Amino acid sequence: MNRLEQIIINQNSIENSKDSDLAGSFNALRRAAKRARQVAAQTGTSLIVWHGDQIDRVTVTDQDALPKQTTG
């Protein structure tokens, strides 16, 4: 099982939890990450993110903080 499959399984397990706080936690983390990108873009600061076994400093631009446009 690869890392992406593990994340999807874990996400589904959390979202389908009988505990309503746990079930809502995944979306709360997404909202918090979105807000962190917005604040970083507004203040010109970097984000510290963890990718697998590596910690990275990421510079966020105003464009990065905008909501993704969907086509369809």
PDB file of N, CA and C in Angstrom:
ATOM      1  N   MET A   1       0.861  -1.176   0.000  1.00  0.00           N
ATOM      2  CA  MET A   1       0.000   0.000   0.000  1.00  0.00           C
ATOM      3  C   MET A   1       0.904   1.235   0.000  1.00  0.00           C
ATOM      4  N   ASN A   2       0.657   2.166  -0.938  1.00  0.00           N
ATOM      5  CA  ASN A   2       1.491   3.359  -0.983  1.00  0.00           C
ATOM      6  C   ASN A   2       0.962   4.445  -0.049  1.00  0.00           C
ATOM      7  N   ARG A   3       1.715   5.514   0.077  1.00  0.00           N
ATOM      8  CA  ARG A   3       1.396   6.598   1.030  1.00  0.00           C
ATOM      9  C   ARG A   3       0.037   7.229   0.716  1.00  0.00           C
ATOM     10  N   LEU A   4      -0.257   7.472  -0.556  1.00  0.00           N
ATOM     11  CA  LEU A   4      -1.534   8.080  -0.934  1.00  0.00           C
ATOM     12  C   LEU A   4      -2.701   7.190  -0.540  1.00  0.00           C
ATOM     13  N   GLU A   5      -2.572   5.893  -0.752  1.00  0.00           N
ATOM     14  CA  GLU A   5      -3.631   4.963  -0.357  1.00  0.00           C
ATOM     15  C   GLU A   5      -3.843   4.992   1.149  1.00  0.00           C
ATOM     16  N   GLN A   6      -2.758   5.084   1.913  1.00  0.00           N
ATOM     17  CA  GLN A   6      -2.869   5.152   3.364  1.00  0.00           C
ATOM     18  C   GLN A   6      -3.593   6.419   3.800  1.00  0.00           C
ATOM     19  N   ILE A   7      -3.282   7.551   3.158  1.00  0.00           N
ATOM     20  CA  ILE A   7      -3.927   8.825   3.496  1.00  0.00           C
ATOM     21  C   ILE A   7      -5.419   8.757   3.190  1.00  0.00           C
ATOM     22  N   ILE A   8      -5.776   8.209   2.044  1.00  0.00           N
ATOM     23  CA  ILE A   8      -7.192   8.115   1.661  1.00  0.00           C
ATOM     24  C   ILE A   8      -7.942   7.208   2.634  1.00  0.00           C
ATOM     25  N   ILE A   9      -7.355   6.076   2.992  1.00  0.00           N
ATOM     26  CA  ILE A   9      -7.995   5.168   3.949  1.00  0.00           C
ATOM     27  C   ILE A   9      -8.159   5.854   5.287  1.00  0.00           C
ATOM     28  N   ASN A  10      -7.117   6.526   5.764  1.00  0.00           N
ATOM     29  CA  ASN A  10      -7.196   7.223   7.046  1.00  0.00           C
ATOM     30  C   ASN A  10      -8.237   8.339   6.997  1.00  0.00           C
ATOM     31  N   GLN A  11      -8.281   9.097   5.899  1.00  0.00           N
ATOM     32  CA  GLN A  11      -9.265  10.166   5.756  1.00  0.00           C
ATOM     33  C   GLN A  11     -10.675   9.594   5.811  1.00  0.00           C
ATOM     34  N   ASN A  12     -10.923   8.529   5.087  1.00  0.00           N
ATOM     35  CA  ASN A  12     -12.253   7.916   5.090  1.00  0.00           C
ATOM     36  C   ASN A  12     -12.603   7.385   6.470  1.00  0.00           C
ATOM     37  N   SER A  13     -11.640   6.792   7.161  1.00  0.00           N
ATOM     38  CA  SER A  13     -11.878   6.270   8.499  1.00  0.00           C
ATOM     39  C   SER A  13     -12.243   7.395   9.460  1.00  0.00           C
ATOM     40  N   ILE A  14     -11.554   8.515   9.346  1.00  0.00           N
ATOM     41  CA  ILE A  14     -11.830   9.658  10.228  1.00  0.00           C
ATOM     42  C   ILE A  14     -13.187  10.262   9.903  1.00  0.00           C
ATOM     43  N   GLU A  15     -13.459  10.503   8.627  1.00  0.00           N
ATOM     44  CA  GLU A  15     -14.712  11.146   8.239  1.00  0.00           C
ATOM     45  C   GLU A  15     -15.935  10.286   8.556  1.00  0.00           C
ATOM     46  N   ASN A  16     -15.768   8.983   8.630  1.00  0.00           N
ATOM     47  CA  ASN A  16     -16.882   8.079   8.913  1.00  0.00           C
ATOM     48  C   ASN A  16     -16.943   7.653  10.373  1.00  0.00           C
ATOM     49  N   SER A  17     -16.169   8.322  11.207  1.00  0.00           N
ATOM     50  CA  SER A  17     -16.139   7.990  12.627  1.00  0.00           C
ATOM     51  C   SER A  17     -17.489   8.261  13.284  1.00  0.00           C
ATOM     52  N   LYS A  18     -17.815   7.471  14.297  1.00  0.00           N
ATOM     53  CA  LYS A  18     -19.049   7.693  15.061  1.00  0.00           C
ATOM     54  C   LYS A  18     -18.920   8.895  15.979  1.00  0.00           C
ATOM     55  N   ASP A  19     -17.689   9.304  16.271  1.00  0.00           N
ATOM     56  CA  ASP A  19     -17.427  10.477  17.099  1.00  0.00           C
ATOM     57  C   ASP A  19     -17.518  11.718  16.206  1.00  0.00           C
ATOM     58  N   SER A  20     -18.502  12.566  16.439  1.00  0.00           N
ATOM     59  CA  SER A  20     -18.725  13.717  15.556  1.00  0.00           C
ATOM     60  C   SER A  20     -17.551  14.695  15.565  1.00  0.00           C
ATOM     61  N   ASP A  21     -16.880  14.840  16.696  1.00  0.00           N
ATOM     62  CA  ASP A  21     -15.705  15.720  16.742  1.00  0.00           C
ATOM     63  C   ASP A  21     -14.587  15.181  15.853  1.00  0.00           C
ATOM     64  N   LEU A  22     -14.350  13.897  15.933  1.00  0.00           N
ATOM     65  CA  LEU A  22     -13.319  13.284  15.107  1.00  0.00           C
ATOM     66  C   LEU A  22     -13.708  13.350  13.631  1.00  0.00           C
ATOM     67  N   ALA A  23     -14.958  13.096  13.331  1.00  0.00           N
ATOM     68  CA  ALA A  23     -15.428  13.114  11.943  1.00  0.00           C
ATOM     69  C   ALA A  23     -15.232  14.487  11.305  1.00  0.00           C
ATOM     70  N   GLY A  24     -15.396  15.555  12.061  1.00  0.00           N
ATOM     71  CA  GLY A  24     -15.238  16.902  11.522  1.00  0.00           C
ATOM     72  C   GLY A  24     -13.815  17.410  11.549  1.00  0.00           C
ATOM     73  N   SER A  25     -12.909  16.672  12.170  1.00  0.00           N
ATOM     74  CA  SER A  25     -11.547  17.168  12.345  1.00  0.00           C
ATOM     75  C   SER A  25     -10.772  17.289  11.040  1.00  0.00           C
ATOM     76  N   PHE A  26     -11.009  16.416  10.085  1.00  0.00           N
ATOM     77  CA  PHE A  26     -10.263  16.467   8.827  1.00  0.00           C
ATOM     78  C   PHE A  26     -10.580  17.758   8.075  1.00  0.00           C
ATOM     79  N   ASN A  27     -11.861  18.097   7.982  1.00  0.00           N
ATOM     80  CA  ASN A  27     -12.235  19.347   7.311  1.00  0.00           C
ATOM     81  C   ASN A  27     -11.755  20.563   8.089  1.00  0.00           C
ATOM     82  N   ALA A  28     -11.728  20.475   9.406  1.00  0.00           N
ATOM     83  CA  ALA A  28     -11.216  21.585  10.224  1.00  0.00           C
ATOM     84  C   ALA A  28      -9.729  21.806   9.941  1.00  0.00           C
ATOM     85  N   LEU A  29      -8.977  20.740   9.786  1.00  0.00           N
ATOM     86  CA  LEU A  29      -7.559  20.867   9.452  1.00  0.00           C
ATOM     87  C   LEU A  29      -7.364  21.499   8.080  1.00  0.00           C
ATOM     88  N   ARG A  30      -8.214  21.133   7.133  1.00  0.00           N
ATOM     89  CA  ARG A  30      -8.139  21.756   5.802  1.00  0.00           C
ATOM     90  C   ARG A  30      -8.429  23.251   5.873  1.00  0.00           C
ATOM     91  N   ARG A  31      -9.440  23.635   6.647  1.00  0.00           N
ATOM     92  CA  ARG A  31      -9.750  25.065   6.799  1.00  0.00           C
ATOM     93  C   ARG A  31      -8.597  25.807   7.463  1.00  0.00           C
ATOM     94  N   ALA A  32      -7.994  25.190   8.458  1.00  0.00           N
ATOM     95  CA  ALA A  32      -6.867  25.815   9.155  1.00  0.00           C
ATOM     96  C   ALA A  32      -5.672  25.992   8.213  1.00  0.00           C
ATOM     97  N   ALA A  33      -5.410  25.014   7.376  1.00  0.00           N
ATOM     98  CA  ALA A  33      -4.303  25.113   6.419  1.00  0.00           C
ATOM     99  C   ALA A  33      -4.566  26.218   5.403  1.00  0.00           C
ATOM    100  N   LYS A  34      -5.796  26.317   4.941  1.00  0.00           N
ATOM    101  CA  LYS A  34      -6.166  27.373   3.999  1.00  0.00           C
ATOM    102  C   LYS A  34      -5.957  28.746   4.623  1.00  0.00           C
ATOM    103  N   ARG A  35      -6.392  28.891   5.866  1.00  0.00           N
ATOM    104  CA  ARG A  35      -6.234  30.171   6.562  1.00  0.00           C
ATOM    105  C   ARG A  35      -4.762  30.487   6.797  1.00  0.00           C
ATOM    106  N   ALA A  36      -3.971  29.477   7.115  1.00  0.00           N
ATOM    107  CA  ALA A  36      -2.530  29.681   7.312  1.00  0.00           C
ATOM    108  C   ALA A  36      -1.878  30.183   6.033  1.00  0.00           C
ATOM    109  N   ARG A  37      -2.283  29.633   4.872  1.00  0.00           N
ATOM    110  CA  ARG A  37      -1.748  30.115   3.591  1.00  0.00           C
ATOM    111  C   ARG A  37      -2.138  31.565   3.352  1.00  0.00           C
ATOM    112  N   GLN A  38      -3.377  31.928   3.671  1.00  0.00           N
ATOM    113  CA  GLN A  38      -3.825  33.303   3.491  1.00  0.00           C
ATOM    114  C   GLN A  38      -3.021  34.270   4.358  1.00  0.00           C
ATOM    115  N   VAL A  39      -2.852  33.928   5.617  1.00  0.00           N
ATOM    116  CA  VAL A  39      -2.109  34.791   6.545  1.00  0.00           C
ATOM    117  C   VAL A  39      -0.649  34.901   6.109  1.00  0.00           C
ATOM    118  N   ALA A  40      -0.039  33.803   5.691  1.00  0.00           N
ATOM    119  CA  ALA A  40       1.352  33.832   5.240  1.00  0.00           C
ATOM    120  C   ALA A  40       1.504  34.743   4.022  1.00  0.00           C
ATOM    121  N   ALA A  41       0.562  34.671   3.100  1.00  0.00           N
ATOM    122  CA  ALA A  41       0.619  35.531   1.914  1.00  0.00           C
ATOM    123  C   ALA A  41       0.463  36.999   2.303  1.00  0.00           C
ATOM    124  N   GLN A  42      -0.442  37.288   3.222  1.00  0.00           N
ATOM    125  CA  GLN A  42      -0.685  38.675   3.636  1.00  0.00           C
ATOM    126  C   GLN A  42       0.495  39.263   4.403  1.00  0.00           C
ATOM    127  N   THR A  43       1.178  38.451   5.173  1.00  0.00           N
ATOM    128  CA  THR A  43       2.248  38.947   6.037  1.00  0.00           C
ATOM    129  C   THR A  43       3.642  38.733   5.463  1.00  0.00           C
ATOM    130  N   GLY A  44       3.734  38.038   4.327  1.00  0.00           N
ATOM    131  CA  GLY A  44       5.031  37.794   3.714  1.00  0.00           C
ATOM    132  C   GLY A  44       5.900  36.824   4.495  1.00  0.00           C
ATOM    133  N   THR A  45       5.267  35.933   5.226  1.00  0.00           N
ATOM    134  CA  THR A  45       6.019  34.939   5.993  1.00  0.00           C
ATOM    135  C   THR A  45       5.948  33.584   5.292  1.00  0.00           C
ATOM    136  N   SER A  46       6.821  32.704   5.696  1.00  0.00           N
ATOM    137  CA  SER A  46       6.860  31.361   5.118  1.00  0.00           C
ATOM    138  C   SER A  46       6.052  30.401   5.979  1.00  0.00           C
ATOM    139  N   LEU A  47       5.644  29.308   5.356  1.00  0.00           N
ATOM    140  CA  LEU A  47       5.007  28.213   6.078  1.00  0.00           C
ATOM    141  C   LEU A  47       6.041  27.116   6.272  1.00  0.00           C
ATOM    142  N   ILE A  48       5.959  26.445   7.385  1.00  0.00           N
ATOM    143  CA  ILE A  48       6.799  25.278   7.625  1.00  0.00           C
ATOM    144  C   ILE A  48       5.886  24.068   7.455  1.00  0.00           C
ATOM    145  N   VAL A  49       6.233  23.206   6.511  1.00  0.00           N
ATOM    146  CA  VAL A  49       5.387  22.051   6.210  1.00  0.00           C
ATOM    147  C   VAL A  49       6.205  20.766   6.281  1.00  0.00           C
ATOM    148  N   TRP A  50       5.526  19.699   6.595  1.00  0.00           N
ATOM    149  CA  TRP A  50       6.152  18.396   6.699  1.00  0.00           C
ATOM    150  C   TRP A  50       5.716  17.560   5.508  1.00  0.00           C
ATOM    151  N   HIS A  51       6.664  17.121   4.704  1.00  0.00           N
ATOM    152  CA  HIS A  51       6.415  16.253   3.560  1.00  0.00           C
ATOM    153  C   HIS A  51       7.129  14.932   3.815  1.00  0.00           C
ATOM    154  N   GLY A  52       6.396  13.927   4.220  1.00  0.00           N
ATOM    155  CA  GLY A  52       7.000  12.618   4.486  1.00  0.00           C
ATOM    156  C   GLY A  52       7.986  12.695   5.631  1.00  0.00           C
ATOM    157  N   ASP A  53       9.263  12.551   5.326  1.00  0.00           N
ATOM    158  CA  ASP A  53      10.290  12.592   6.365  1.00  0.00           C
ATOM    159  C   ASP A  53      11.108  13.879   6.322  1.00  0.00           C
ATOM    160  N   GLN A  54      10.589  14.898   5.634  1.00  0.00           N
ATOM    161  CA  GLN A  54      11.342  16.133   5.442  1.00  0.00           C
ATOM    162  C   GLN A  54      10.501  17.346   5.837  1.00  0.00           C
ATOM    163  N   ILE A  55      11.135  18.307   6.476  1.00  0.00           N
ATOM    164  CA  ILE A  55      10.474  19.556   6.836  1.00  0.00           C
ATOM    165  C   ILE A  55      10.954  20.628   5.868  1.00  0.00           C
ATOM    166  N   ASP A  56      10.013  21.373   5.279  1.00  0.00           N
ATOM    167  CA  ASP A  56      10.334  22.389   4.281  1.00  0.00           C
ATOM    168  C   ASP A  56       9.782  23.744   4.688  1.00  0.00           C
ATOM    169  N   ARG A  57      10.475  24.789   4.256  1.00  0.00           N
ATOM    170  CA  ARG A  57      10.002  26.165   4.399  1.00  0.00           C
ATOM    171  C   ARG A  57       9.424  26.562   3.038  1.00  0.00           C
ATOM    172  N   VAL A  58       8.154  26.975   3.011  1.00  0.00           N
ATOM    173  CA  VAL A  58       7.462  27.274   1.765  1.00  0.00           C
ATOM    174  C   VAL A  58       7.051  28.743   1.768  1.00  0.00           C
ATOM    175  N   THR A  59       7.419  29.446   0.701  1.00  0.00           N
ATOM    176  CA  THR A  59       6.983  30.829   0.534  1.00  0.00           C
ATOM    177  C   THR A  59       5.655  30.813  -0.202  1.00  0.00           C
ATOM    178  N   VAL A  60       4.685  31.515   0.346  1.00  0.00           N
ATOM    179  CA  VAL A  60       3.338  31.536  -0.224  1.00  0.00           C
ATOM    180  C   VAL A  60       3.103  32.884  -0.890  1.00  0.00           C
ATOM    181  N   THR A  61       2.619  32.855  -2.120  1.00  0.00           N
ATOM    182  CA  THR A  61       2.262  34.090  -2.810  1.00  0.00           C
ATOM    183  C   THR A  61       0.765  34.317  -2.679  1.00  0.00           C
ATOM    184  N   ASP A  62       0.330  35.525  -3.008  1.00  0.00           N
ATOM    185  CA  ASP A  62      -1.109  35.809  -2.983  1.00  0.00           C
ATOM    186  C   ASP A  62      -1.861  34.843  -3.886  1.00  0.00           C
ATOM    187  N   GLN A  63      -1.283  34.491  -5.023  1.00  0.00           N
ATOM    188  CA  GLN A  63      -1.930  33.574  -5.957  1.00  0.00           C
ATOM    189  C   GLN A  63      -2.114  32.195  -5.345  1.00  0.00           C
ATOM    190  N   ASP A  64      -1.111  31.745  -4.560  1.00  0.00           N
ATOM    191  CA  ASP A  64      -1.191  30.426  -3.912  1.00  0.00           C
ATOM    192  C   ASP A  64      -2.314  30.380  -2.887  1.00  0.00           C
ATOM    193  N   ALA A  65      -2.623  31.522  -2.282  1.00  0.00           N
ATOM    194  CA  ALA A  65      -3.607  31.561  -1.200  1.00  0.00           C
ATOM    195  C   ALA A  65      -5.037  31.669  -1.717  1.00  0.00           C
ATOM    196  N   LEU A  66      -5.185  31.957  -3.022  1.00  0.00           N
ATOM    197  CA  LEU A  66      -6.537  32.077  -3.582  1.00  0.00           C
ATOM    198  C   LEU A  66      -7.194  30.706  -3.685  1.00  0.00           C
ATOM    199  N   PRO A  67      -8.536  30.663  -3.573  1.00  0.00           N
ATOM    200  CA  PRO A  67      -9.237  29.392  -3.745  1.00  0.00           C
ATOM    201  C   PRO A  67      -9.027  28.843  -5.143  1.00  0.00           C
ATOM    202  N   LYS A  68      -8.965  27.544  -5.259  1.00  0.00           N
ATOM    203  CA  LYS A  68      -8.800  26.907  -6.553  1.00  0.00           C
ATOM    204  C   LYS A  68     -10.063  27.076  -7.385  1.00  0.00           C
ATOM    205  N   GLN A  69      -9.888  27.439  -8.659  1.00  0.00           N
ATOM    206  CA  GLN A  69     -11.022  27.572  -9.567  1.00  0.00           C
ATOM    207  C   GLN A  69     -11.334  26.221 -10.182  1.00  0.00           C
ATOM    208  N   THR A  70     -12.598  25.869 -10.201  1.00  0.00           N
ATOM    209  CA  THR A  70     -12.999  24.622 -10.821  1.00  0.00           C
ATOM    210  C   THR A  70     -13.670  24.937 -12.147  1.00  0.00           C
ATOM    211  N   THR A  71     -13.456  24.091 -13.118  1.00  0.00           N
ATOM    212  CA  THR A  71     -14.093  24.268 -14.408  1.00  0.00           C
ATOM    213  C   THR A  71     -15.109  23.161 -14.589  1.00  0.00           C
ATOM    214  N   GLY A  72     -16.124  23.475 -15.341  1.00  0.00           N
ATOM    215  CA  GLY A  72     -17.077  22.399 -15.538  1.00  0.00           C
ATOM    216  C   GLY A  72     -18.353  22.886 -15.898  1.00  0.00           C
TER     217      GLY A  72
END
